[in-house]
Amino acid sequence: MLSKLNLDHKSFFDRYQDLFTQNIKQKFYEFSHIARLLRSLGSRDDLFGNYFSAYTAYSSLQDVWNMFLCLSSIGDLNEIMQKHLILILPPQIDHISTEDFKQYTKLAKDHLTQISEEKRPSLLKILETVLYAFLNKQLHDDQYSYKFSESDLKEFLNTSLEFSASCTLENSSYLLIIRHLLFKLDRQTTNKFEKLKRLFKRLDNLNETACEANDPALIIQDDWLIEYIFRIPHDWLNLTKHDYQSLCEMH
């Protein structure tokens, strides 16, 4: 239509953006119409970024997440769309509760079963980025980190594997969760024998798929083990033969 009216595509949408923003505030548009508009702007770097930002600013997080999933089902998410989704989504997500985030990941998992294989890689790339942003923010912030239970971390570990194209160490969320699950969660004792015993038990409960796909020596970083090393004679003197034997059997 714009070509028939001899109107420049970019100039039109630059001017239309203010009206679009006002109408988003007033809930004037239908969800499907917004999705088609954003999809049509997907090849225009500045236009897609500006319009999706405007939509995000005046819509609920639930609607924004559903829009993101909808855009991935209409067609493949090209590099322009991926770039802006990766920039815009994480700051909207990284401060929400774990339970709310689980609901969004569940929607994404269900969505992954409904789209074609060709559309999965671009969607997984964004999901993996959003997951890492959420975990990196909350696990390193005392305001949030204490709320994560062992079951939460195990659930997110499985989610990180589902959102990864492969179960390799390239998945940054995986190592982040592993460190907190194995080494940060347990602060109940300072006794090194007890700490080692608890560590071995937690290692036994790790996701087997992830462990089989990677060398354990690459999963566990050396600096994570500092608090578990027997350094002084006192540490060794407190370790009985029975303690040592039980550690060997657990290992």
Protein backbone atom coordinates (compact mmCIF):
# COMPACT_ATOMS: atom_id res chain seq x y z
CA MET A 1 0.00 0.00 0.00
CA LEU A 2 2.83 2.40 0.84
CA SER A 3 4.37 1.92 -2.59
CA LYS A 4 1.03 2.61 -4.27
CA LEU A 5 0.72 5.83 -2.28
CA ASN A 6 4.33 6.69 -3.13
CA LEU A 7 5.26 6.90 0.56
CA ASP A 8 8.70 6.07 1.93
CA HIS A 9 8.46 3.00 4.16
CA LYS A 10 10.86 4.20 6.86
CA SER A 11 9.55 7.77 6.96
CA PHE A 12 6.00 6.52 7.39
CA PHE A 13 6.82 4.23 10.31
CA ASP A 14 9.08 6.81 11.95
CA ARG A 15 6.08 9.14 12.07
CA TYR A 16 3.58 6.42 12.94
CA GLN A 17 5.58 5.31 16.00
CA ASP A 18 4.14 7.98 18.32
CA LEU A 19 0.59 7.00 17.40
CA PHE A 20 1.48 3.32 17.80
CA THR A 21 2.86 4.00 21.28
CA GLN A 22 -0.26 5.92 22.33
CA ASN A 23 -2.52 3.16 21.06
CA ILE A 24 -0.46 0.51 22.87
CA LYS A 25 -0.96 2.49 26.10
CA GLN A 26 -4.70 2.52 25.49
CA LYS A 27 -4.84 -1.20 24.57
CA PHE A 28 -6.30 -0.23 21.21
CA TYR A 29 -4.74 -2.98 19.07
CA GLU A 30 -5.40 -6.69 18.97
CA PHE A 31 -2.51 -8.97 19.88
CA SER A 32 -2.45 -10.67 16.47
CA HIS A 33 -2.34 -7.33 14.64
CA ILE A 34 0.65 -6.18 16.71
CA ALA A 35 2.43 -9.46 16.01
CA ARG A 36 1.95 -9.09 12.26
CA LEU A 37 3.15 -5.47 12.36
CA LEU A 38 6.29 -6.35 14.32
CA ARG A 39 6.93 -9.26 12.02
CA SER A 40 6.68 -6.98 8.97
CA LEU A 41 9.28 -4.66 10.55
CA GLY A 42 11.65 -7.51 11.32
CA SER A 43 14.06 -6.67 8.51
CA ARG A 44 14.34 -3.00 9.57
CA ASP A 45 16.91 -2.70 12.36
CA ASP A 46 15.90 0.60 13.95
CA LEU A 47 12.18 0.22 13.28
CA PHE A 48 11.84 -3.23 14.84
CA GLY A 49 13.87 -2.18 17.88
CA ASN A 50 11.86 0.99 18.42
CA TYR A 51 8.46 -0.63 17.95
CA PHE A 52 9.19 -3.67 20.09
CA SER A 53 10.61 -1.39 22.81
CA ALA A 54 7.44 0.71 22.70
CA TYR A 55 5.30 -2.41 22.96
CA THR A 56 7.38 -3.69 25.89
CA ALA A 57 7.20 -0.39 27.77
CA TYR A 58 3.40 -0.37 27.92
CA SER A 59 2.50 -4.07 28.04
CA SER A 60 2.53 -6.66 30.79
CA LEU A 61 5.49 -9.01 30.96
CA GLN A 62 3.12 -11.89 30.24
CA ASP A 63 2.04 -10.22 26.98
CA VAL A 64 5.64 -9.39 26.03
CA TRP A 65 6.73 -13.00 26.58
CA ASN A 66 3.77 -14.31 24.58
CA MET A 67 4.57 -11.84 21.80
CA PHE A 68 8.16 -13.09 21.69
CA LEU A 69 6.97 -16.69 21.37
CA CYS A 70 4.36 -15.69 18.80
CA LEU A 71 6.97 -13.94 16.63
CA SER A 72 9.06 -17.12 16.63
CA SER A 73 6.10 -19.17 15.43
CA ILE A 74 5.12 -16.82 12.59
CA GLY A 75 8.55 -17.24 11.00
CA ASP A 76 12.23 -17.64 11.70
CA LEU A 77 13.70 -14.96 13.97
CA ASN A 78 16.30 -13.24 11.80
CA GLU A 79 19.50 -11.68 13.16
CA ILE A 80 17.95 -8.23 13.50
CA MET A 81 15.06 -9.56 15.57
CA GLN A 82 17.38 -11.75 17.64
CA LYS A 83 19.61 -8.78 18.41
CA HIS A 84 16.79 -6.63 19.75
CA LEU A 85 15.02 -9.45 21.59
CA ILE A 86 18.29 -10.32 23.35
CA LEU A 87 18.75 -6.67 24.32
CA ILE A 88 15.18 -6.03 25.45
CA LEU A 89 13.97 -9.24 27.11
CA PRO A 90 16.63 -9.94 29.81
CA PRO A 91 16.16 -6.63 31.72
CA GLN A 92 12.42 -7.32 31.82
CA ILE A 93 12.96 -10.83 33.22
CA ASP A 94 16.01 -10.80 35.49
CA HIS A 95 14.27 -9.42 38.62
CA ILE A 96 11.06 -11.49 38.68
CA SER A 97 10.39 -14.33 41.14
CA THR A 98 11.63 -17.86 40.48
CA GLU A 99 8.05 -19.14 40.35
CA ASP A 100 7.05 -16.57 37.73
CA PHE A 101 10.15 -17.37 35.71
CA LYS A 102 9.34 -21.07 35.86
CA GLN A 103 5.95 -20.28 34.34
CA TYR A 104 7.61 -18.44 31.45
CA THR A 105 10.09 -21.27 30.86
CA LYS A 106 7.20 -23.75 30.87
CA LEU A 107 5.43 -21.74 28.19
CA ALA A 108 8.65 -21.73 26.17
CA LYS A 109 9.15 -25.49 26.57
CA ASP A 110 5.60 -26.15 25.40
CA HIS A 111 6.15 -23.77 22.49
CA LEU A 112 9.33 -25.61 21.45
CA THR A 113 7.30 -28.77 20.90
CA GLN A 114 4.98 -26.95 18.51
CA ILE A 115 7.41 -25.26 16.12
CA SER A 116 9.44 -26.72 13.27
CA GLU A 117 13.08 -27.75 13.63
CA GLU A 118 14.12 -24.87 11.36
CA LYS A 119 12.76 -22.31 13.83
CA ARG A 120 14.30 -23.85 16.95
CA PRO A 121 17.95 -22.61 16.78
CA SER A 122 17.12 -18.89 16.81
CA LEU A 123 14.53 -19.35 19.55
CA LEU A 124 16.90 -21.46 21.68
CA LYS A 125 19.62 -18.82 21.35
CA ILE A 126 17.34 -16.19 22.88
CA LEU A 127 15.96 -18.51 25.56
CA GLU A 128 19.46 -19.49 26.62
CA THR A 129 20.47 -15.82 26.85
CA VAL A 130 17.40 -14.92 28.90
CA LEU A 131 17.95 -17.87 31.25
CA TYR A 132 21.58 -16.91 31.83
CA ALA A 133 20.68 -13.26 32.46
CA PHE A 134 18.08 -14.28 35.04
CA LEU A 135 20.38 -16.71 36.87
CA ASN A 136 23.47 -14.52 36.67
CA LYS A 137 21.54 -11.62 38.20
CA GLN A 138 19.78 -13.53 40.95
CA LEU A 139 22.40 -16.08 42.00
CA HIS A 140 24.99 -13.32 42.48
CA ASP A 141 22.66 -11.02 44.39
CA ASP A 142 21.94 -11.76 48.07
CA GLN A 143 18.53 -10.14 47.63
CA TYR A 144 17.50 -13.10 45.47
CA SER A 145 19.99 -15.96 45.87
CA TYR A 146 18.78 -17.18 49.28
CA LYS A 147 15.37 -17.96 47.74
CA PHE A 148 16.79 -20.69 45.47
CA SER A 149 16.29 -24.17 46.87
CA GLU A 150 18.12 -27.29 45.74
CA SER A 151 15.04 -28.38 43.79
CA ASP A 152 14.90 -24.96 42.08
CA LEU A 153 18.51 -25.27 40.95
CA LYS A 154 18.01 -28.82 39.70
CA GLU A 155 14.95 -27.72 37.75
CA PHE A 156 16.86 -24.83 36.19
CA LEU A 157 19.75 -27.19 35.41
CA ASN A 158 17.38 -29.34 33.37
CA THR A 159 15.94 -26.21 31.77
CA SER A 160 19.42 -25.03 30.78
CA LEU A 161 19.98 -28.32 28.98
CA GLU A 162 16.62 -28.10 27.22
CA PHE A 163 17.41 -24.55 26.08
CA SER A 164 20.83 -25.55 24.77
CA ALA A 165 21.51 -26.96 21.30
CA SER A 166 23.92 -29.43 22.97
CA CYS A 167 24.84 -30.53 26.49
CA THR A 168 28.28 -28.93 26.36
CA LEU A 169 30.17 -26.45 28.49
CA GLU A 170 29.38 -23.77 25.91
CA ASN A 171 26.11 -23.45 27.82
CA SER A 172 27.07 -20.74 30.31
CA SER A 173 23.95 -21.27 32.45
CA TYR A 174 24.99 -24.85 33.08
CA LEU A 175 28.28 -24.03 34.84
CA LEU A 176 26.65 -21.20 36.77
CA ILE A 177 24.01 -23.55 38.18
CA ILE A 178 26.51 -26.33 38.85
CA ARG A 179 28.68 -24.05 40.98
CA HIS A 180 25.79 -22.87 43.11
CA LEU A 181 24.19 -26.29 43.36
CA LEU A 182 27.39 -28.02 44.46
CA PHE A 183 29.35 -25.35 46.29
CA LYS A 184 27.22 -22.34 47.22
CA LEU A 185 24.03 -23.93 48.51
CA ASP A 186 25.48 -25.83 51.48
CA ARG A 187 26.67 -23.52 54.27
CA GLN A 188 25.64 -25.75 57.18
CA THR A 189 29.12 -26.78 58.31
CA THR A 190 32.75 -25.69 58.16
CA ASN A 191 34.07 -29.18 58.90
CA LYS A 192 35.97 -30.22 55.78
CA PHE A 193 35.16 -33.91 56.11
CA GLU A 194 31.44 -33.15 56.35
CA LYS A 195 31.71 -30.69 53.47
CA LEU A 196 33.40 -33.31 51.28
CA LYS A 197 30.84 -35.93 52.21
CA ARG A 198 27.97 -33.61 51.30
CA LEU A 199 29.75 -32.64 48.07
CA PHE A 200 30.11 -36.28 46.99
CA LYS A 201 26.42 -36.88 47.65
CA ARG A 202 25.44 -33.88 45.56
CA LEU A 203 27.76 -35.03 42.76
CA ASP A 204 25.97 -38.38 42.70
CA ASN A 205 22.68 -36.58 42.11
CA LEU A 206 23.82 -34.49 39.16
CA ASN A 207 22.12 -34.70 35.78
CA GLU A 208 23.67 -37.77 34.10
CA THR A 209 23.14 -36.46 30.58
CA ALA A 210 25.25 -33.40 31.24
CA CYS A 211 27.96 -35.36 33.02
CA GLU A 212 28.23 -37.94 30.25
CA ALA A 213 28.65 -35.23 27.61
CA ASN A 214 31.55 -33.50 29.36
CA ASP A 215 34.79 -34.35 31.12
CA PRO A 216 34.16 -33.88 34.89
CA ALA A 217 37.59 -32.23 35.14
CA LEU A 218 36.26 -29.48 32.88
CA ILE A 219 33.01 -29.10 34.79
CA ILE A 220 34.53 -28.56 38.25
CA GLN A 221 36.85 -25.56 38.31
CA ASP A 222 39.94 -25.72 40.55
CA ASP A 223 39.13 -22.54 42.47
CA TRP A 224 35.75 -23.98 43.50
CA LEU A 225 37.54 -26.58 45.66
CA ILE A 226 39.61 -24.24 47.82
CA GLU A 227 37.37 -24.67 50.88
CA TYR A 228 37.53 -28.47 50.54
CA ILE A 229 41.31 -28.92 50.47
CA PHE A 230 43.10 -30.36 53.53
CA ARG A 231 45.93 -27.86 53.93
CA ILE A 232 47.21 -28.02 57.49
CA PRO A 233 48.13 -30.97 59.77
CA HIS A 234 45.12 -30.21 61.96
CA ASP A 235 42.79 -31.02 59.06
CA TRP A 236 44.40 -34.42 58.53
CA LEU A 237 44.56 -35.25 62.25
CA ASN A 238 40.80 -34.79 62.50
CA LEU A 239 40.24 -37.29 59.70
CA THR A 240 39.87 -40.84 61.04
CA LYS A 241 40.48 -44.05 59.13
CA HIS A 242 36.73 -44.60 59.03
CA ASP A 243 36.19 -41.10 57.63
CA TYR A 244 38.78 -41.65 54.93
CA GLN A 245 37.32 -45.04 54.00
CA SER A 246 33.79 -43.65 53.78
CA LEU A 247 34.97 -40.87 51.45
CA CYS A 248 36.68 -43.44 49.22
CA GLU A 249 33.52 -45.56 49.08
CA MET A 250 31.35 -42.56 48.22
CA HIS A 251 33.75 -41.40 45.52
